[in-house]
Structure formats: structure tokens, C-alpha cells
Amino acid sequence: MRRSNAPRNPYRRTNRSRPLTGGARGANLSRVKRRRSTTRKASRSDASGDAELVRLARAALRRAHSPYSGVRVGAALRATDGTVFTGCNVENASYGLTLCAERVAVSKAVSEGATEFTTIAIASNKTPAAAKQGTKALMPCGACRQTLHEFAPNLRVLVAGPRGSVRATTLPKLLPHAFGPRDLR
């Protein structure tokens, strides 16, 4: 039974085959799908650690919500203590409200208490301009570059293309002459 006259969101995933069960305040809701945490402790920061970071970014892009553009992006952000935080893009019909994967990963990390980062891997399924060439990877947008600079001005950036290529660069190369906290003093 619907409690509202508002239209249903066609992208919302629900399982209505089982009724809600539970005690006070919704404890033990059987319909609630429990997901594994996507926060992981990384074991390395070398090449194999980078490969794992790219793998986690590719896994995160599969969870992206991109019904309008079809461009899926995943990010895996490694904190200085080795913890990895993942994020995916979440599109909105009002494009300005769309959340980029990189900023989702940063927000997730900060909400868990991490504010210092060493490396981010970004993976995409395609890019509109590069789809014909098939080799280019989707680079972070300006807002993501600025957000990353706030926490890690010297961040290593691994960008994985849709066909397996991985390009390594740094945030200072992507955002030269960046505006940061020092500019506010």
C-alpha cells in the first residue's frame, strides 16, 4: 500500500516480495538488504597495491547510478593509513545535483575520519568524446580536482580507461596553480 500520491521512482530498487518484520523502531527488518562495506584496508602502495586500487574503482563503477548519460564512474581513494574508500557517480535529473565518484569517495572518507590521502584510482565505462577513439580515459572534473586538492595537494591519480588502459599522473599536473587554504590567509 502506497502512502503518498507521489509518482514512484523507477530507479529505486525495492524488494516487495517479503513483508517487513521486526520489533520496536524497525529492528530486524528482513527486507533491508545488507551490503558489504566498501571500505577496505589496503596492504600495499606499490604497483600491486595500485592494481588493487584500480580493481576497486572498476568494482565501484558497477554500482553507479547513471540513467541519463550512461557514463559510469568509480573511484577508490587510499588514505595514508592504507584504508581505501570507494565511491561511484550518482546522477540526478537536475544535472547540477549529480555527484561525481571522486567527491563521493572523499565525502565517505571524511565522514569516517580520514582526511589525508596518497592515491586515487578513477575508472569509467566510457567517455562521450573519447568513445570513438577508445583509448582515452575520463579525467576528473574541475570540482573534483579542487575537492581533492583540499585534502591532498600532491595526490597520485590513476585513471583507468574503458578498455583496460591506466594512466598515472599527479594532482599538481591536473590542477596547476590551484587555489587552496593557503590562499585564504
N, C-alpha and C. Protein backbone atom coordinates (compact mmCIF):
# COMPACT_ATOMS: atom_id res chain seq x y z
N MET A 1 0.84 -1.16 0.00
CA MET A 1 0.00 0.00 0.00
C MET A 1 0.89 1.23 0.00
N ARG A 2 0.63 2.14 -0.94
CA ARG A 2 1.40 3.38 -1.02
C ARG A 2 0.78 4.41 -0.09
N ARG A 3 1.61 5.18 0.54
CA ARG A 3 1.12 6.19 1.47
C ARG A 3 1.11 7.58 0.85
N SER A 4 1.59 7.71 -0.36
CA SER A 4 1.71 9.00 -0.99
C SER A 4 1.16 8.94 -2.41
N ASN A 5 0.73 10.06 -2.91
CA ASN A 5 0.29 10.15 -4.29
C ASN A 5 1.44 10.48 -5.22
N ALA A 6 2.62 10.66 -4.67
CA ALA A 6 3.80 10.99 -5.49
C ALA A 6 4.13 9.81 -6.40
N PRO A 7 4.61 10.10 -7.61
CA PRO A 7 4.96 9.00 -8.52
C PRO A 7 6.13 8.20 -7.98
N ARG A 8 6.14 6.93 -8.31
CA ARG A 8 7.23 6.06 -7.88
C ARG A 8 8.49 6.36 -8.67
N ASN A 9 9.61 6.22 -8.03
CA ASN A 9 10.89 6.38 -8.70
C ASN A 9 11.21 5.08 -9.41
N PRO A 10 11.31 5.07 -10.75
CA PRO A 10 11.55 3.82 -11.47
C PRO A 10 12.93 3.24 -11.23
N TYR A 11 13.84 4.05 -10.68
CA TYR A 11 15.21 3.58 -10.46
C TYR A 11 15.43 3.05 -9.05
N ARG A 12 14.44 3.21 -8.19
CA ARG A 12 14.57 2.74 -6.81
C ARG A 12 14.41 1.23 -6.77
N ARG A 13 15.34 0.58 -6.13
CA ARG A 13 15.29 -0.88 -6.02
C ARG A 13 14.64 -1.26 -4.71
N THR A 14 13.57 -2.00 -4.81
CA THR A 14 12.91 -2.48 -3.59
C THR A 14 12.56 -3.94 -3.78
N ASN A 15 12.42 -4.60 -2.69
CA ASN A 15 12.01 -6.00 -2.72
C ASN A 15 10.71 -6.09 -1.96
N ARG A 16 9.62 -6.10 -2.68
CA ARG A 16 8.31 -6.12 -2.04
C ARG A 16 7.76 -7.53 -1.89
N SER A 17 8.56 -8.53 -2.19
CA SER A 17 8.06 -9.89 -2.10
C SER A 17 8.00 -10.39 -0.66
N ARG A 18 8.77 -9.76 0.23
CA ARG A 18 8.75 -10.17 1.63
C ARG A 18 8.27 -9.01 2.48
N PRO A 19 7.44 -9.27 3.46
CA PRO A 19 6.95 -8.19 4.32
C PRO A 19 8.03 -7.77 5.31
N LEU A 20 7.88 -6.55 5.79
CA LEU A 20 8.76 -6.08 6.85
C LEU A 20 8.42 -6.82 8.13
N THR A 21 9.44 -7.21 8.84
CA THR A 21 9.22 -7.83 10.14
C THR A 21 10.14 -7.14 11.13
N GLY A 22 9.84 -7.23 12.36
CA GLY A 22 10.75 -6.65 13.33
C GLY A 22 10.03 -6.08 14.52
N GLY A 23 10.84 -5.71 15.47
CA GLY A 23 10.31 -5.19 16.72
C GLY A 23 10.25 -3.68 16.70
N ALA A 24 10.49 -3.12 17.85
CA ALA A 24 10.38 -1.69 18.02
C ALA A 24 11.35 -0.94 17.11
N ARG A 25 10.87 0.16 16.58
CA ARG A 25 11.68 1.04 15.74
C ARG A 25 12.33 0.33 14.57
N GLY A 26 11.71 -0.69 14.04
CA GLY A 26 12.19 -1.33 12.82
C GLY A 26 13.39 -2.23 12.99
N ALA A 27 13.66 -2.68 14.20
CA ALA A 27 14.79 -3.58 14.41
C ALA A 27 14.55 -4.87 13.66
N ASN A 28 15.57 -5.44 13.10
CA ASN A 28 15.49 -6.72 12.41
C ASN A 28 14.54 -6.68 11.21
N LEU A 29 14.73 -5.70 10.34
CA LEU A 29 13.90 -5.61 9.14
C LEU A 29 14.43 -6.60 8.12
N SER A 30 13.62 -7.58 7.79
CA SER A 30 14.09 -8.63 6.89
C SER A 30 14.19 -8.16 5.45
N ARG A 31 13.47 -7.10 5.07
CA ARG A 31 13.50 -6.63 3.70
C ARG A 31 14.72 -5.75 3.42
N VAL A 32 15.37 -5.28 4.45
CA VAL A 32 16.52 -4.42 4.26
C VAL A 32 17.69 -5.24 3.75
N LYS A 33 18.22 -4.84 2.62
CA LYS A 33 19.35 -5.56 2.04
C LYS A 33 20.64 -5.08 2.70
N ARG A 34 21.36 -5.99 3.24
CA ARG A 34 22.63 -5.65 3.88
C ARG A 34 23.75 -5.77 2.86
N ARG A 35 24.57 -4.74 2.78
CA ARG A 35 25.69 -4.75 1.84
C ARG A 35 27.00 -4.81 2.60
N ARG A 36 27.96 -5.42 1.93
CA ARG A 36 29.30 -5.43 2.50
C ARG A 36 29.85 -4.01 2.48
N SER A 37 30.63 -3.67 3.44
CA SER A 37 31.27 -2.37 3.46
C SER A 37 32.26 -2.27 2.31
N THR A 38 32.32 -1.10 1.70
CA THR A 38 33.28 -0.91 0.62
C THR A 38 34.54 -0.21 1.12
N THR A 39 34.66 -0.06 2.42
CA THR A 39 35.87 0.49 3.00
C THR A 39 36.80 -0.67 3.33
N ARG A 40 38.00 -0.61 2.78
CA ARG A 40 38.93 -1.72 2.96
C ARG A 40 40.29 -1.21 3.40
N LYS A 41 41.02 -2.07 4.05
CA LYS A 41 42.38 -1.76 4.44
C LYS A 41 43.30 -2.31 3.35
N ALA A 42 44.05 -1.44 2.72
CA ALA A 42 44.95 -1.88 1.65
C ALA A 42 46.24 -2.40 2.26
N SER A 43 46.86 -3.34 1.57
CA SER A 43 48.07 -3.93 2.10
C SER A 43 49.34 -3.30 1.54
N ARG A 44 49.23 -2.64 0.39
CA ARG A 44 50.43 -2.11 -0.25
C ARG A 44 50.14 -0.78 -0.91
N SER A 45 51.21 -0.05 -1.21
CA SER A 45 51.07 1.16 -2.00
C SER A 45 51.95 1.09 -3.24
N ASP A 46 52.50 -0.08 -3.54
CA ASP A 46 53.34 -0.26 -4.72
C ASP A 46 52.47 -0.61 -5.92
N ALA A 47 53.08 -1.14 -6.97
CA ALA A 47 52.36 -1.45 -8.21
C ALA A 47 51.20 -2.41 -7.99
N SER A 48 51.40 -3.44 -7.16
CA SER A 48 50.29 -4.37 -6.92
C SER A 48 49.18 -3.70 -6.12
N GLY A 49 49.56 -2.78 -5.23
CA GLY A 49 48.57 -2.00 -4.50
C GLY A 49 47.80 -1.08 -5.42
N ASP A 50 48.50 -0.52 -6.42
CA ASP A 50 47.83 0.32 -7.41
C ASP A 50 46.87 -0.50 -8.26
N ALA A 51 47.27 -1.71 -8.61
CA ALA A 51 46.38 -2.59 -9.39
C ALA A 51 45.13 -2.92 -8.59
N GLU A 52 45.28 -3.13 -7.29
CA GLU A 52 44.13 -3.40 -6.43
C GLU A 52 43.22 -2.17 -6.35
N LEU A 53 43.83 -0.99 -6.28
CA LEU A 53 43.05 0.25 -6.23
C LEU A 53 42.23 0.42 -7.51
N VAL A 54 42.84 0.14 -8.65
CA VAL A 54 42.12 0.22 -9.93
C VAL A 54 41.00 -0.81 -9.97
N ARG A 55 41.26 -2.01 -9.45
CA ARG A 55 40.23 -3.05 -9.42
C ARG A 55 39.04 -2.60 -8.57
N LEU A 56 39.31 -1.97 -7.44
CA LEU A 56 38.23 -1.48 -6.57
C LEU A 56 37.45 -0.35 -7.23
N ALA A 57 38.15 0.51 -7.98
CA ALA A 57 37.46 1.59 -8.70
C ALA A 57 36.55 1.01 -9.78
N ARG A 58 37.04 -0.02 -10.48
CA ARG A 58 36.21 -0.67 -11.51
C ARG A 58 34.99 -1.35 -10.87
N ALA A 59 35.18 -1.93 -9.69
CA ALA A 59 34.05 -2.55 -8.99
C ALA A 59 33.03 -1.49 -8.57
N ALA A 60 33.52 -0.33 -8.14
CA ALA A 60 32.62 0.75 -7.70
C ALA A 60 31.80 1.30 -8.86
N LEU A 61 32.38 1.35 -10.05
CA LEU A 61 31.63 1.91 -11.18
C LEU A 61 30.41 1.05 -11.53
N ARG A 62 30.44 -0.21 -11.18
CA ARG A 62 29.29 -1.07 -11.45
C ARG A 62 28.08 -0.70 -10.58
N ARG A 63 28.32 0.06 -9.51
CA ARG A 63 27.23 0.50 -8.64
C ARG A 63 26.73 1.90 -8.98
N ALA A 64 27.30 2.51 -10.01
CA ALA A 64 26.93 3.88 -10.38
C ALA A 64 25.46 3.98 -10.78
N HIS A 65 24.89 5.13 -10.52
CA HIS A 65 23.51 5.42 -10.93
C HIS A 65 23.61 6.47 -12.04
N SER A 66 23.55 6.03 -13.29
CA SER A 66 23.71 6.96 -14.42
C SER A 66 22.66 6.71 -15.50
N PRO A 67 21.38 6.88 -15.16
CA PRO A 67 20.33 6.59 -16.14
C PRO A 67 20.23 7.61 -17.27
N TYR A 68 20.87 8.76 -17.15
CA TYR A 68 20.72 9.81 -18.16
C TYR A 68 21.86 9.82 -19.16
N SER A 69 23.09 9.80 -18.69
CA SER A 69 24.24 9.86 -19.61
C SER A 69 24.75 8.47 -19.97
N GLY A 70 24.54 7.51 -19.09
CA GLY A 70 25.10 6.18 -19.30
C GLY A 70 26.58 6.09 -18.97
N VAL A 71 27.18 7.19 -18.55
CA VAL A 71 28.59 7.20 -18.17
C VAL A 71 28.70 6.79 -16.71
N ARG A 72 29.35 5.67 -16.47
CA ARG A 72 29.54 5.15 -15.12
C ARG A 72 30.98 5.43 -14.70
N VAL A 73 31.13 5.93 -13.47
CA VAL A 73 32.46 6.23 -12.95
C VAL A 73 32.57 5.66 -11.55
N GLY A 74 33.72 5.08 -11.26
CA GLY A 74 34.01 4.58 -9.92
C GLY A 74 35.33 5.15 -9.46
N ALA A 75 35.48 5.34 -8.17
CA ALA A 75 36.72 5.86 -7.61
C ALA A 75 37.09 5.06 -6.37
N ALA A 76 38.38 4.88 -6.18
CA ALA A 76 38.91 4.24 -4.97
C ALA A 76 40.02 5.15 -4.44
N LEU A 77 39.85 5.64 -3.24
CA LEU A 77 40.74 6.62 -2.63
C LEU A 77 41.48 5.98 -1.46
N ARG A 78 42.82 6.00 -1.52
CA ARG A 78 43.63 5.40 -0.46
C ARG A 78 44.08 6.47 0.53
N ALA A 79 43.75 6.25 1.81
CA ALA A 79 44.19 7.14 2.88
C ALA A 79 45.63 6.81 3.26
N THR A 80 46.27 7.70 3.98
CA THR A 80 47.67 7.48 4.36
C THR A 80 47.84 6.25 5.24
N ASP A 81 46.81 5.84 5.97
CA ASP A 81 46.92 4.63 6.79
C ASP A 81 46.64 3.36 6.00
N GLY A 82 46.36 3.48 4.70
CA GLY A 82 46.12 2.32 3.85
C GLY A 82 44.66 1.98 3.64
N THR A 83 43.76 2.62 4.37
CA THR A 83 42.34 2.36 4.19
C THR A 83 41.89 2.89 2.83
N VAL A 84 41.05 2.13 2.15
CA VAL A 84 40.55 2.52 0.83
C VAL A 84 39.06 2.81 0.93
N PHE A 85 38.66 3.95 0.39
CA PHE A 85 37.26 4.36 0.36
C PHE A 85 36.81 4.43 -1.10
N THR A 86 35.68 3.83 -1.41
CA THR A 86 35.20 3.82 -2.78
C THR A 86 33.99 4.72 -2.94
N GLY A 87 33.75 5.11 -4.18
CA GLY A 87 32.58 5.93 -4.49
C GLY A 87 32.21 5.74 -5.95
N CYS A 88 30.98 6.05 -6.28
CA CYS A 88 30.52 5.99 -7.67
C CYS A 88 29.70 7.23 -7.97
N ASN A 89 29.55 7.54 -9.25
CA ASN A 89 28.75 8.71 -9.60
C ASN A 89 27.26 8.41 -9.41
N VAL A 90 26.53 9.44 -9.00
CA VAL A 90 25.10 9.34 -8.77
C VAL A 90 24.46 10.51 -9.52
N GLU A 91 23.87 10.20 -10.68
CA GLU A 91 23.26 11.25 -11.50
C GLU A 91 21.90 11.64 -10.95
N ASN A 92 21.50 12.85 -11.33
CA ASN A 92 20.21 13.39 -10.95
C ASN A 92 19.60 14.03 -12.18
N ALA A 93 18.28 14.02 -12.31
CA ALA A 93 17.63 14.64 -13.46
C ALA A 93 17.99 16.12 -13.55
N SER A 94 18.25 16.75 -12.42
CA SER A 94 18.79 18.10 -12.39
C SER A 94 20.30 17.96 -12.37
N TYR A 95 20.92 18.01 -13.54
CA TYR A 95 22.34 17.66 -13.68
C TYR A 95 23.26 18.33 -12.66
N GLY A 96 22.95 19.54 -12.25
CA GLY A 96 23.80 20.23 -11.29
C GLY A 96 23.88 19.54 -9.94
N LEU A 97 22.93 18.68 -9.66
CA LEU A 97 22.92 17.95 -8.39
C LEU A 97 23.61 16.59 -8.48
N THR A 98 24.14 16.26 -9.64
CA THR A 98 24.85 14.99 -9.83
C THR A 98 26.09 14.96 -8.95
N LEU A 99 26.36 13.81 -8.35
CA LEU A 99 27.54 13.62 -7.51
C LEU A 99 28.57 12.83 -8.29
N CYS A 100 29.78 13.34 -8.36
CA CYS A 100 30.88 12.63 -9.03
C CYS A 100 31.45 11.56 -8.11
N ALA A 101 31.99 10.51 -8.69
CA ALA A 101 32.54 9.39 -7.92
C ALA A 101 33.67 9.84 -7.00
N GLU A 102 34.52 10.74 -7.48
CA GLU A 102 35.65 11.19 -6.67
C GLU A 102 35.18 11.90 -5.42
N ARG A 103 34.20 12.78 -5.56
CA ARG A 103 33.70 13.52 -4.40
C ARG A 103 32.90 12.62 -3.45
N VAL A 104 32.25 11.60 -3.99
CA VAL A 104 31.56 10.64 -3.12
C VAL A 104 32.60 9.90 -2.27
N ALA A 105 33.70 9.48 -2.89
CA ALA A 105 34.76 8.78 -2.15
C ALA A 105 35.37 9.68 -1.07
N VAL A 106 35.62 10.95 -1.42
CA VAL A 106 36.18 11.89 -0.44
C VAL A 106 35.20 12.09 0.71
N SER A 107 33.94 12.29 0.40
CA SER A 107 32.93 12.51 1.45
C SER A 107 32.81 11.30 2.36
N LYS A 108 32.85 10.13 1.76
CA LYS A 108 32.78 8.89 2.55
C LYS A 108 33.99 8.80 3.49
N ALA A 109 35.17 9.12 2.97
CA ALA A 109 36.39 9.05 3.77
C ALA A 109 36.34 10.05 4.92
N VAL A 110 35.97 11.28 4.62
CA VAL A 110 35.92 12.32 5.65
C VAL A 110 34.88 11.96 6.71
N SER A 111 33.75 11.40 6.29
CA SER A 111 32.73 11.01 7.27
C SER A 111 33.20 9.89 8.18
N GLU A 112 34.22 9.15 7.74
CA GLU A 112 34.80 8.08 8.55
C GLU A 112 36.05 8.55 9.29
N GLY A 113 36.41 9.82 9.16
CA GLY A 113 37.53 10.38 9.91
C GLY A 113 38.85 10.46 9.18
N ALA A 114 38.91 10.09 7.92
CA ALA A 114 40.16 10.15 7.15
C ALA A 114 40.21 11.47 6.38
N THR A 115 41.34 12.17 6.49
CA THR A 115 41.49 13.45 5.79
C THR A 115 42.82 13.58 5.05
N GLU A 116 43.63 12.54 5.08
CA GLU A 116 44.92 12.57 4.38
C GLU A 116 44.98 11.38 3.44
N PHE A 117 45.33 11.65 2.17
CA PHE A 117 45.26 10.63 1.13
C PHE A 117 46.53 10.59 0.30
N THR A 118 46.82 9.42 -0.26
CA THR A 118 48.02 9.26 -1.08
C THR A 118 47.71 9.06 -2.56
N THR A 119 46.68 8.27 -2.87
CA THR A 119 46.40 7.89 -4.25
C THR A 119 44.90 7.74 -4.46
N ILE A 120 44.46 8.09 -5.67
CA ILE A 120 43.08 7.81 -6.07
C ILE A 120 43.12 7.12 -7.43
N ALA A 121 42.28 6.12 -7.59
CA ALA A 121 42.09 5.46 -8.89
C ALA A 121 40.68 5.79 -9.35
N ILE A 122 40.56 6.16 -10.61
CA ILE A 122 39.27 6.52 -11.19
C ILE A 122 39.07 5.66 -12.42
N ALA A 123 37.93 4.99 -12.51
CA ALA A 123 37.63 4.12 -13.65
C ALA A 123 36.31 4.54 -14.27
N SER A 124 36.24 4.44 -15.59
CA SER A 124 34.99 4.77 -16.28
C SER A 124 34.67 3.72 -17.33
N ASN A 125 33.38 3.58 -17.63
CA ASN A 125 32.97 2.61 -18.64
C ASN A 125 33.10 3.18 -20.04
N LYS A 126 33.00 4.49 -20.17
CA LYS A 126 33.16 5.16 -21.46
C LYS A 126 33.24 6.65 -21.24
N THR A 127 33.62 7.36 -22.26
CA THR A 127 33.58 8.81 -22.24
C THR A 127 32.94 9.24 -23.55
N PRO A 128 32.03 10.19 -23.52
CA PRO A 128 31.36 10.59 -24.75
C PRO A 128 32.31 11.04 -25.85
N ALA A 129 33.28 11.90 -25.54
CA ALA A 129 34.19 12.42 -26.57
C ALA A 129 35.22 11.40 -27.00
N ALA A 130 35.60 10.52 -26.09
CA ALA A 130 36.67 9.56 -26.39
C ALA A 130 36.15 8.21 -26.84
N ALA A 131 34.85 8.02 -26.89
CA ALA A 131 34.30 6.71 -27.23
C ALA A 131 34.74 6.26 -28.61
N LYS A 132 34.85 7.19 -29.56
CA LYS A 132 35.25 6.82 -30.91
C LYS A 132 36.71 6.37 -30.96
N GLN A 133 37.55 7.02 -30.15
CA GLN A 133 38.97 6.67 -30.15
C GLN A 133 39.23 5.43 -29.30
N GLY A 134 38.45 5.25 -28.25
CA GLY A 134 38.52 4.05 -27.44
C GLY A 134 39.72 3.93 -26.52
N THR A 135 40.58 4.94 -26.49
CA THR A 135 41.77 4.82 -25.67
C THR A 135 41.81 5.83 -24.53
N LYS A 136 41.11 6.90 -24.65
CA LYS A 136 41.18 7.94 -23.62
C LYS A 136 40.36 7.56 -22.40
N ALA A 137 40.82 8.01 -21.27
CA ALA A 137 40.12 7.77 -20.02
C ALA A 137 39.46 9.07 -19.57
N LEU A 138 38.45 8.95 -18.77
CA LEU A 138 37.72 10.11 -18.26
C LEU A 138 38.52 10.73 -17.12
N MET A 139 38.93 11.96 -17.29
CA MET A 139 39.70 12.67 -16.27
C MET A 139 38.74 13.32 -15.26
N PRO A 140 39.20 13.59 -14.04
CA PRO A 140 38.34 14.23 -13.04
C PRO A 140 37.93 15.63 -13.49
N CYS A 141 36.72 16.03 -13.16
CA CYS A 141 36.25 17.37 -13.50
C CYS A 141 36.94 18.39 -12.59
N GLY A 142 36.75 19.66 -12.87
CA GLY A 142 37.38 20.72 -12.09
C GLY A 142 36.95 20.72 -10.63
N ALA A 143 35.67 20.48 -10.38
CA ALA A 143 35.19 20.46 -8.99
C ALA A 143 35.84 19.33 -8.20
N CYS A 144 36.02 18.18 -8.84
CA CYS A 144 36.67 17.05 -8.16
C CYS A 144 38.14 17.35 -7.92
N ARG A 145 38.80 17.94 -8.90
CA ARG A 145 40.22 18.30 -8.73
C ARG A 145 40.38 19.25 -7.55
N GLN A 146 39.50 20.24 -7.45
CA GLN A 146 39.58 21.21 -6.36
C GLN A 146 39.29 20.54 -5.02
N THR A 147 38.32 19.66 -4.97
CA THR A 147 37.99 18.95 -3.72
C THR A 147 39.16 18.07 -3.29
N LEU A 148 39.76 17.35 -4.23
CA LEU A 148 40.91 16.50 -3.91
C LEU A 148 42.08 17.35 -3.42
N HIS A 149 42.28 18.51 -4.04
CA HIS A 149 43.39 19.40 -3.64
C HIS A 149 43.23 19.87 -2.20
N GLU A 150 42.01 20.04 -1.75
CA GLU A 150 41.76 20.48 -0.37
C GLU A 150 42.39 19.53 0.65
N PHE A 151 42.40 18.24 0.34
CA PHE A 151 42.88 17.24 1.28
C PHE A 151 44.25 16.66 0.92
N ALA A 152 44.59 16.65 -0.35
CA ALA A 152 45.85 16.01 -0.77
C ALA A 152 46.42 16.73 -1.99
N PRO A 153 47.11 17.85 -1.78
CA PRO A 153 47.61 18.63 -2.91
C PRO A 153 48.59 17.88 -3.80
N ASN A 154 49.25 16.85 -3.29
CA ASN A 154 50.22 16.09 -4.08
C ASN A 154 49.74 14.68 -4.40
N LEU A 155 48.46 14.50 -4.48
CA LEU A 155 47.83 13.20 -4.70
C LEU A 155 48.28 12.55 -6.02
N ARG A 156 48.56 11.25 -5.97
CA ARG A 156 48.78 10.47 -7.20
C ARG A 156 47.41 10.11 -7.75
N VAL A 157 47.26 10.19 -9.07
CA VAL A 157 45.98 9.92 -9.72
C VAL A 157 46.17 8.84 -10.78
N LEU A 158 45.42 7.75 -10.64
CA LEU A 158 45.44 6.66 -11.63
C LEU A 158 44.10 6.70 -12.34
N VAL A 159 44.14 6.87 -13.66
CA VAL A 159 42.90 6.97 -14.43
C VAL A 159 42.81 5.77 -15.36
N ALA A 160 41.80 4.95 -15.14
CA ALA A 160 41.62 3.72 -15.92
C ALA A 160 40.56 3.93 -16.99
N GLY A 161 40.94 3.62 -18.21
CA GLY A 161 40.02 3.75 -19.33
C GLY A 161 39.10 2.55 -19.45
N PRO A 162 38.14 2.64 -20.36
CA PRO A 162 37.16 1.56 -20.51
C PRO A 162 37.75 0.29 -21.10
N ARG A 163 38.89 0.39 -21.74
CA ARG A 163 39.47 -0.80 -22.39
C ARG A 163 40.71 -1.31 -21.68
N GLY A 164 40.87 -0.98 -20.41
CA GLY A 164 41.96 -1.55 -19.63
C GLY A 164 43.19 -0.69 -19.47
N SER A 165 43.31 0.39 -20.23
CA SER A 165 44.49 1.24 -20.10
C SER A 165 44.43 2.01 -18.78
N VAL A 166 45.60 2.24 -18.18
CA VAL A 166 45.69 3.00 -16.94
C VAL A 166 46.76 4.07 -17.12
N ARG A 167 46.39 5.30 -16.85
CA ARG A 167 47.31 6.42 -16.95
C ARG A 167 47.59 6.95 -15.56
N ALA A 168 48.86 7.12 -15.23
CA ALA A 168 49.25 7.66 -13.92
C ALA A 168 49.67 9.11 -14.08
N THR A 169 49.19 9.95 -13.19
CA THR A 169 49.56 11.35 -13.18
C THR A 169 49.49 11.85 -11.74
N THR A 170 49.60 13.13 -11.55
CA THR A 170 49.51 13.71 -10.21
C THR A 170 48.51 14.86 -10.23
N LEU A 171 47.99 15.19 -9.08
CA LEU A 171 47.04 16.29 -8.97
C LEU A 171 47.66 17.63 -9.36
N PRO A 172 48.93 17.91 -8.98
CA PRO A 172 49.51 19.18 -9.42
C PRO A 172 49.57 19.32 -10.95
N LYS A 173 49.69 18.22 -11.66
CA LYS A 173 49.67 18.29 -13.13
C LYS A 173 48.26 18.54 -13.65
N LEU A 174 47.26 18.00 -12.95
CA LEU A 174 45.87 18.18 -13.37
C LEU A 174 45.30 19.53 -12.94
N LEU A 175 45.85 20.10 -11.87
CA LEU A 175 45.34 21.37 -11.34
C LEU A 175 46.51 22.29 -10.99
N PRO A 176 47.22 22.80 -12.01
CA PRO A 176 48.33 23.71 -11.72
C PRO A 176 47.80 25.04 -11.17
N HIS A 177 48.58 25.69 -10.36
CA HIS A 177 48.20 26.98 -9.77
C HIS A 177 46.88 26.87 -9.02
N ALA A 178 46.74 25.81 -8.26
CA ALA A 178 45.49 25.54 -7.54
C ALA A 178 45.23 26.56 -6.45
N PHE A 179 43.97 26.80 -6.19
CA PHE A 179 43.53 27.63 -5.08
C PHE A 179 43.34 26.72 -3.88
N GLY A 180 43.94 27.09 -2.75
CA GLY A 180 43.84 26.24 -1.58
C GLY A 180 43.77 27.04 -0.29
N PRO A 181 43.83 26.35 0.84
CA PRO A 181 43.72 27.00 2.14
C PRO A 181 44.76 28.11 2.34
N ARG A 182 45.94 27.94 1.79
CA ARG A 182 47.00 28.95 1.96
C ARG A 182 46.60 30.28 1.31
N ASP A 183 45.73 30.23 0.31
CA ASP A 183 45.31 31.45 -0.37
C ASP A 183 44.30 32.25 0.44
N LEU A 184 43.79 31.69 1.51
CA LEU A 184 42.82 32.39 2.35
C LEU A 184 43.46 33.09 3.53
N ARG A 185 44.75 32.94 3.69
CA ARG A 185 45.44 33.55 4.84
C ARG A 185 45.85 34.96 4.55
